[in-house]
């Protein structure tokens, strides 16, 4: 989730925030919806 939300791994000292997790969750949801749509229309 953090990677999808834009968390940079070179900043390991900084904690993962709720906004980063929320963006990651949103991006994952969009990817899943796109994959499902692709399955329907192929």
C-alpha atoms as a PDB file:
ATOM      1  CA  UNK A   1       0.000   0.000   0.000  1.00  0.00           C
ATOM      2  CA  UNK A   2       2.721   2.428   0.923  1.00  0.00           C
ATOM      3  CA  UNK A   3       4.555   1.903  -2.358  1.00  0.00           C
ATOM      4  CA  UNK A   4       1.371   2.523  -4.363  1.00  0.00           C
ATOM      5  CA  UNK A   5       0.750   5.633  -2.274  1.00  0.00           C
ATOM      6  CA  UNK A   6       4.142   7.096  -3.137  1.00  0.00           C
ATOM      7  CA  UNK A   7       6.152   6.198  -0.043  1.00  0.00           C
ATOM      8  CA  UNK A   8       9.855   6.550  -0.744  1.00  0.00           C
ATOM      9  CA  UNK A   9      11.900   3.682   0.671  1.00  0.00           C
ATOM     10  CA  UNK A  10      15.067   5.724   1.038  1.00  0.00           C
ATOM     11  CA  UNK A  11      13.331   7.646   3.823  1.00  0.00           C
ATOM     12  CA  UNK A  12      13.074   4.709   6.207  1.00  0.00           C
ATOM     13  CA  UNK A  13      13.242   6.944   9.252  1.00  0.00           C
ATOM     14  CA  UNK A  14       9.976   8.654   8.377  1.00  0.00           C
ATOM     15  CA  UNK A  15       6.809   6.777   9.361  1.00  0.00           C
ATOM     16  CA  UNK A  16       4.178   5.849   6.818  1.00  0.00           C
ATOM     17  CA  UNK A  17       1.293   8.290   7.189  1.00  0.00           C
ATOM     18  CA  UNK A  18      -2.410   7.768   6.774  1.00  0.00           C
ATOM     19  CA  UNK A  19      -2.503   9.908   3.623  1.00  0.00           C
ATOM     20  CA  UNK A  20       0.091   7.700   1.924  1.00  0.00           C
ATOM     21  CA  UNK A  21      -1.861   4.578   2.866  1.00  0.00           C
ATOM     22  CA  UNK A  22      -5.113   6.131   1.654  1.00  0.00           C
ATOM     23  CA  UNK A  23      -3.554   7.048  -1.719  1.00  0.00           C
ATOM     24  CA  UNK A  24      -2.169   3.516  -2.009  1.00  0.00           C
ATOM     25  CA  UNK A  25      -5.556   1.987  -1.231  1.00  0.00           C
ATOM     26  CA  UNK A  26      -7.204   4.257  -3.787  1.00  0.00           C
ATOM     27  CA  UNK A  27      -4.648   3.350  -6.462  1.00  0.00           C
ATOM     28  CA  UNK A  28      -5.067  -0.364  -5.734  1.00  0.00           C
ATOM     29  CA  UNK A  29      -8.838  -0.034  -6.033  1.00  0.00           C
ATOM     30  CA  UNK A  30      -8.466   1.746  -9.388  1.00  0.00           C
ATOM     31  CA  UNK A  31      -6.090  -0.947 -10.655  1.00  0.00           C
ATOM     32  CA  UNK A  32      -8.502  -3.698  -9.619  1.00  0.00           C
ATOM     33  CA  UNK A  33     -11.446  -1.977 -11.271  1.00  0.00           C
ATOM     34  CA  UNK A  34      -9.455  -1.572 -14.469  1.00  0.00           C
ATOM     35  CA  UNK A  35      -8.467  -5.231 -14.406  1.00  0.00           C
ATOM     36  CA  UNK A  36     -12.080  -6.297 -13.901  1.00  0.00           C
ATOM     37  CA  UNK A  37     -13.236  -4.086 -16.767  1.00  0.00           C
ATOM     38  CA  UNK A  38     -10.559  -5.560 -18.996  1.00  0.00           C
ATOM     39  CA  UNK A  39     -11.780  -9.059 -18.135  1.00  0.00           C
ATOM     40  CA  UNK A  40     -15.367  -8.162 -19.014  1.00  0.00           C
ATOM     41  CA  UNK A  41     -14.588  -6.580 -22.381  1.00  0.00           C
ATOM     42  CA  UNK A  42     -12.080  -9.129 -23.691  1.00  0.00           C
END
